[in-house]
Protein backbone atom coordinates (compact mmCIF):
# COMPACT_ATOMS: atom_id res chain seq x y z
CA UNK A 1 -126.67 -132.65 13.04
CA UNK A 2 -128.96 -131.16 15.64
CA UNK A 3 -126.25 -131.87 18.43
CA UNK A 4 -123.96 -130.19 15.77
CA UNK A 5 -126.25 -127.37 14.87
CA UNK A 6 -126.78 -126.34 18.58
CA UNK A 7 -123.07 -126.63 19.85
CA UNK A 8 -121.97 -124.11 16.75
CA UNK A 9 -125.33 -121.45 18.37
CA UNK A 10 -124.06 -121.88 21.81
CA UNK A 11 -120.82 -120.82 20.57
CA UNK A 12 -121.92 -118.19 18.27
CA UNK A 13 -124.00 -116.73 21.06
CA UNK A 14 -120.71 -116.81 23.72
CA UNK A 15 -119.13 -115.13 21.35
CA UNK A 16 -121.35 -112.52 20.48
CA UNK A 17 -121.24 -111.96 24.35
CA UNK A 18 -117.69 -112.11 24.96
CA UNK A 19 -117.21 -109.33 21.87
CA UNK A 20 -118.59 -105.83 24.35
CA UNK A 21 -116.80 -107.65 27.05
CA UNK A 22 -113.04 -107.71 25.02
CA UNK A 23 -113.87 -104.40 23.31
CA UNK A 24 -113.99 -102.21 26.84
CA UNK A 25 -111.37 -104.13 28.34
CA UNK A 26 -109.17 -103.01 25.34
CA UNK A 27 -109.75 -99.79 25.66
CA UNK A 28 -109.11 -99.81 29.41
CA UNK A 29 -105.73 -100.11 28.61
CA UNK A 30 -103.49 -97.87 30.45
CA UNK A 31 -101.45 -95.59 28.34
CA UNK A 32 -98.38 -96.46 29.99
CA UNK A 33 -98.89 -100.19 28.78
CA UNK A 34 -100.04 -99.24 25.68
CA UNK A 35 -96.27 -97.01 25.18
CA UNK A 36 -94.03 -100.42 25.38
CA UNK A 37 -95.64 -102.04 22.37
CA UNK A 38 -92.85 -100.63 19.53
CA UNK A 39 -94.26 -101.24 15.78
CA UNK A 40 -91.96 -102.35 13.68
CA UNK A 41 -92.46 -99.79 10.93
CA UNK A 42 -92.73 -96.49 13.52
CA UNK A 43 -88.83 -94.90 14.04
CA UNK A 44 -88.46 -92.81 16.75
CA UNK A 45 -84.86 -90.51 17.10
CA UNK A 46 -83.86 -87.73 18.99
CA UNK A 47 -80.87 -85.60 18.55
CA UNK A 48 -78.61 -83.72 20.82
CA UNK A 49 -77.87 -80.06 18.98
CA UNK A 50 -74.51 -79.60 19.65
CA UNK A 51 -72.36 -76.18 19.95
CA UNK A 52 -68.99 -74.68 20.44
CA UNK A 53 -68.56 -71.38 21.37
CA UNK A 54 -65.18 -70.28 20.98
CA UNK A 55 -62.99 -66.98 20.88
CA UNK A 56 -60.68 -67.82 17.99
CA UNK A 57 -60.80 -66.16 14.88
CA UNK A 58 -59.50 -68.29 12.48
CA UNK A 59 -56.04 -67.68 12.99
CA UNK A 60 -53.66 -68.00 16.50
CA UNK A 61 -51.54 -64.96 16.76
CA UNK A 62 -48.14 -64.85 17.25
CA UNK A 63 -47.66 -64.00 20.33
CA UNK A 64 -48.90 -66.05 23.74
CA UNK A 65 -50.65 -64.50 27.18
CA UNK A 66 -48.62 -65.43 30.07
CA UNK A 67 -50.48 -65.55 33.51
CA UNK A 68 -47.87 -65.25 35.90
CA UNK A 69 -49.08 -65.40 39.09
CA UNK A 70 -51.06 -62.16 40.42
CA UNK A 71 -52.94 -61.97 36.73
CA UNK A 72 -56.59 -62.72 35.70
CA UNK A 73 -58.17 -62.91 32.69
CA UNK A 74 -61.56 -63.49 31.89
CA UNK A 75 -62.94 -64.37 28.30
CA UNK A 76 -67.05 -63.88 27.26
CA UNK A 77 -68.58 -66.40 25.45
CA UNK A 78 -72.41 -65.05 24.46
CA UNK A 79 -75.09 -67.79 24.73
CA UNK A 80 -76.19 -69.36 21.02
CA UNK A 81 -79.63 -68.61 22.04
CA UNK A 82 -81.43 -67.19 24.81
CA UNK A 83 -84.60 -69.48 24.76
CA UNK A 84 -82.79 -72.28 24.75
CA UNK A 85 -81.41 -74.73 27.49
CA UNK A 86 -77.63 -76.11 27.18
CA UNK A 87 -75.67 -77.91 28.93
CA UNK A 88 -71.68 -77.38 29.23
CA UNK A 89 -69.91 -80.45 28.31
CA UNK A 90 -66.20 -79.82 27.77
CA UNK A 91 -63.76 -77.04 27.84
CA UNK A 92 -60.63 -76.79 25.84
CA UNK A 93 -57.66 -74.51 25.88
CA UNK A 94 -55.26 -74.23 23.97
CA UNK A 95 -51.64 -73.39 25.71
CA UNK A 96 -48.29 -71.94 24.05
CA UNK A 97 -46.18 -74.66 25.31
CA UNK A 98 -46.25 -76.64 28.61
CA UNK A 99 -45.50 -74.67 31.43
CA UNK A 100 -42.59 -75.33 33.59
CA UNK A 101 -43.67 -73.17 37.44
CA UNK A 102 -46.70 -71.88 38.87
CA UNK A 103 -50.38 -73.14 38.80
CA UNK A 104 -53.33 -72.50 36.21
CA UNK A 105 -56.84 -71.93 37.92
CA UNK A 106 -59.90 -72.57 35.98
CA UNK A 107 -63.78 -71.58 36.75
CA UNK A 108 -66.72 -70.31 34.98
CA UNK A 109 -68.88 -67.61 36.31
CA UNK A 110 -72.27 -65.77 35.55
CA UNK A 111 -72.04 -62.08 34.41
CA UNK A 112 -71.67 -59.38 37.26
CA UNK A 113 -74.06 -56.94 38.61
CA UNK A 114 -73.54 -53.30 37.97
CA UNK A 115 -69.75 -52.41 37.93
CA UNK A 116 -68.96 -55.86 38.81
CA UNK A 117 -67.33 -57.49 35.93
CA UNK A 118 -68.23 -61.39 37.22
CA UNK A 119 -71.00 -62.99 38.72
CA UNK A 120 -71.11 -65.72 41.15
CA UNK A 121 -68.93 -69.48 40.21
CA UNK A 122 -71.19 -71.68 38.53
CA UNK A 123 -68.25 -74.69 39.36
CA UNK A 124 -68.35 -75.92 43.02
CA UNK A 125 -64.44 -76.18 42.71
CA UNK A 126 -62.15 -74.54 40.16
CA UNK A 127 -60.08 -76.68 38.13
CA UNK A 128 -56.29 -76.48 39.66
CA UNK A 129 -53.71 -77.20 36.14
CA UNK A 130 -50.36 -77.90 37.81
CA UNK A 131 -47.45 -77.96 35.93
CA UNK A 132 -45.92 -80.37 34.35
CA UNK A 133 -46.23 -83.63 35.43
CA UNK A 134 -50.06 -83.01 35.47
CA UNK A 135 -50.09 -81.87 31.33
CA UNK A 136 -48.72 -84.90 28.70
CA UNK A 137 -45.75 -84.50 26.87
CA UNK A 138 -45.99 -82.83 23.36
CA UNK A 139 -49.52 -81.63 24.50
CA UNK A 140 -50.31 -77.68 23.89
CA UNK A 141 -54.24 -78.55 24.88
CA UNK A 142 -56.08 -79.14 27.87
CA UNK A 143 -59.93 -80.61 27.67
CA UNK A 144 -61.68 -80.53 30.51
CA UNK A 145 -64.39 -82.67 31.12
CA UNK A 146 -67.31 -80.44 32.34
CA UNK A 147 -70.50 -83.04 32.00
CA UNK A 148 -69.68 -84.41 35.66
CA UNK A 149 -70.84 -80.97 37.10
CA UNK A 150 -73.93 -80.95 34.82
CA UNK A 151 -73.93 -77.23 34.81
CA UNK A 152 -76.38 -75.48 32.47
CA UNK A 153 -75.25 -72.30 30.47
CA UNK A 154 -76.65 -69.31 31.86
CA UNK A 155 -79.31 -67.32 29.57
CA UNK A 156 -77.08 -64.83 28.22
CA UNK A 157 -73.44 -66.52 28.51
CA UNK A 158 -70.65 -67.68 30.60
CA UNK A 159 -67.25 -66.17 31.52
CA UNK A 160 -64.30 -68.45 31.38
CA UNK A 161 -61.78 -67.27 34.04
CA UNK A 162 -58.08 -67.87 34.30
CA UNK A 163 -55.44 -66.86 37.79
CA UNK A 164 -51.48 -67.71 37.80
CA UNK A 165 -50.63 -68.91 40.97
CA UNK A 166 -47.69 -69.73 42.36
CA UNK A 167 -45.93 -72.92 42.38
CA UNK A 168 -45.84 -73.19 46.43
CA UNK A 169 -49.06 -72.84 48.68
CA UNK A 170 -47.31 -70.86 50.94
CA UNK A 171 -45.57 -68.73 48.03
CA UNK A 172 -46.87 -65.02 48.22
CA UNK A 173 -47.25 -62.42 45.23
CA UNK A 174 -44.81 -59.47 45.44
CA UNK A 175 -44.45 -57.62 42.36
CA UNK A 176 -43.93 -57.85 38.81
CA UNK A 177 -40.57 -56.27 37.21
CA UNK A 178 -39.12 -55.50 33.67
CA UNK A 179 -35.37 -55.85 33.81
CA UNK A 180 -34.02 -53.58 31.04
CA UNK A 181 -30.31 -54.29 29.50
CA UNK A 182 -28.75 -53.72 26.46
CA UNK A 183 -28.67 -50.18 24.32
CA UNK A 184 -31.55 -47.32 24.47
CA UNK A 185 -32.84 -47.17 20.99
CA UNK A 186 -33.63 -43.50 19.61
CA UNK A 187 -37.16 -44.34 20.56
CA UNK A 188 -36.54 -44.83 24.32
CA UNK A 189 -37.05 -48.81 24.09
CA UNK A 190 -34.59 -51.23 25.13
CA UNK A 191 -34.75 -54.73 24.99
CA UNK A 192 -35.70 -56.45 28.73
CA UNK A 193 -37.16 -59.55 30.65
CA UNK A 194 -39.88 -60.03 32.80
CA UNK A 195 -39.60 -61.53 35.86
CA UNK A 196 -42.44 -62.25 38.98
CA UNK A 197 -41.41 -61.33 42.28
CA UNK A 198 -42.59 -63.96 45.32
CA UNK A 199 -42.13 -64.98 49.11
CA UNK A 200 -42.73 -68.26 50.68
CA UNK A 201 -44.10 -68.16 54.40
CA UNK A 202 -41.80 -65.86 56.94
CA UNK A 203 -38.92 -65.91 55.09
CA UNK A 204 -38.06 -62.44 53.17
CA UNK A 205 -35.94 -63.67 50.60
CA UNK A 206 -37.80 -62.65 47.22
CA UNK A 207 -37.46 -65.44 44.69
CA UNK A 208 -37.41 -64.02 40.73
CA UNK A 209 -39.16 -65.84 38.46
CA UNK A 210 -38.89 -65.32 34.56
CA UNK A 211 -42.76 -64.52 33.19
CA UNK A 212 -42.16 -67.01 30.41
CA UNK A 213 -41.33 -69.67 33.05
CA UNK A 214 -45.60 -69.42 33.84
CA UNK A 215 -48.43 -70.97 31.29
CA UNK A 216 -48.84 -69.04 28.56
CA UNK A 217 -52.40 -69.01 26.64
CA UNK A 218 -52.92 -68.65 23.19
CA UNK A 219 -54.00 -65.81 21.33
CA UNK A 220 -56.17 -65.14 18.42
CA UNK A 221 -56.51 -61.69 16.81
CA UNK A 222 -59.81 -60.15 17.23
CA UNK A 223 -59.70 -56.69 15.29
CA UNK A 224 -61.64 -53.35 17.38
CA UNK A 225 -63.77 -55.35 19.66
CA UNK A 226 -62.65 -58.72 21.88
CA UNK A 227 -63.97 -60.36 24.57
CA UNK A 228 -61.15 -60.59 26.68
CA UNK A 229 -60.51 -58.63 29.92
CA UNK A 230 -56.95 -58.78 31.58
CA UNK A 231 -56.47 -57.80 35.83
CA UNK A 232 -52.72 -57.26 35.66
CA UNK A 233 -52.15 -57.10 38.87
CA UNK A 234 -54.80 -57.56 42.13
CA UNK A 235 -54.86 -54.48 42.98
CA UNK A 236 -56.26 -52.86 39.57
CA UNK A 237 -59.35 -54.07 38.01
CA UNK A 238 -60.37 -55.73 35.02
CA UNK A 239 -59.80 -54.18 31.79
CA UNK A 240 -60.58 -55.22 28.12
CA UNK A 241 -58.73 -55.34 25.59
CA UNK A 242 -58.68 -52.93 22.78
CA UNK A 243 -56.42 -51.67 19.92
CA UNK A 244 -53.40 -49.92 20.67
CA UNK A 245 -50.20 -48.30 19.05
CA UNK A 246 -46.71 -49.86 19.55
CA UNK A 247 -43.84 -48.26 18.19
CA UNK A 248 -46.41 -45.63 16.40
CA UNK A 249 -48.30 -48.66 14.59
CA UNK A 250 -51.58 -50.11 15.45
CA UNK A 251 -52.16 -53.16 17.09
CA UNK A 252 -55.60 -54.69 16.84
CA UNK A 253 -57.19 -56.49 20.32
CA UNK A 254 -56.68 -60.23 20.99
CA UNK A 255 -58.86 -62.57 22.60
CA UNK A 256 -57.45 -65.57 24.20
CA UNK A 257 -58.83 -68.63 22.92
CA UNK A 258 -61.05 -70.97 24.57
CA UNK A 259 -63.39 -73.53 23.04
CA UNK A 260 -66.59 -74.70 24.98
CA UNK A 261 -68.72 -77.18 24.00
CA UNK A 262 -72.61 -77.38 25.32
CA UNK A 263 -75.59 -79.44 23.65
CA UNK A 264 -78.91 -79.23 23.91
CA UNK A 265 -81.62 -81.65 23.28
CA UNK A 266 -84.20 -79.35 22.73
């Protein structure tokens, strides 16, 4: 019994001596190691805040915006919160139909300085949409994936810019022309068809292509204030779309429809 008592006393003394050392060792565990311990009763989750910036006003207009060579269109999309950081994920472009000729150039720009509408480009290389093979049959919406570019939305917003391009790389825009036909009405108007005139390389032959064969973008009536600017010819400045009259009737301003998806982890 004496041996048992002595053994127990020794163990107790040894344990008492180790307790401070164990306490010190536990207190010195690095934070990085401590964070790897997952408690089953604690759940930590994160949620990305997703937003869609759009110029759609609830209904598509009957008419479409043609993007023939020599025409540029800029649509302004403001940031949902200038104090947060957003990343661009995708851009959806509703088309009126699968276009037959030409190309559609799509780029993103910051707001310009002073009188300049457009600032620096966000994309290192713009998207070039080729007709018609690159557009799936029966599809009237283009969805461009922006995630690989890892773009941040500027604090104030971004311009989505479209530009109509000719079919061939050596094709040069000459001018637009409307051919009138039929009887002239009492109000002075008559029926007509718009054409785009181009030339290829050194060839002086002029190519006439109907406007309606090029890409056409969907529109949405914006009322009195819209966020779409048009440049109808390279030598002309951008002009903001506004309310105007047609044959004595007021016609609302229209926005070209785009849908820009962004997300934030904040």
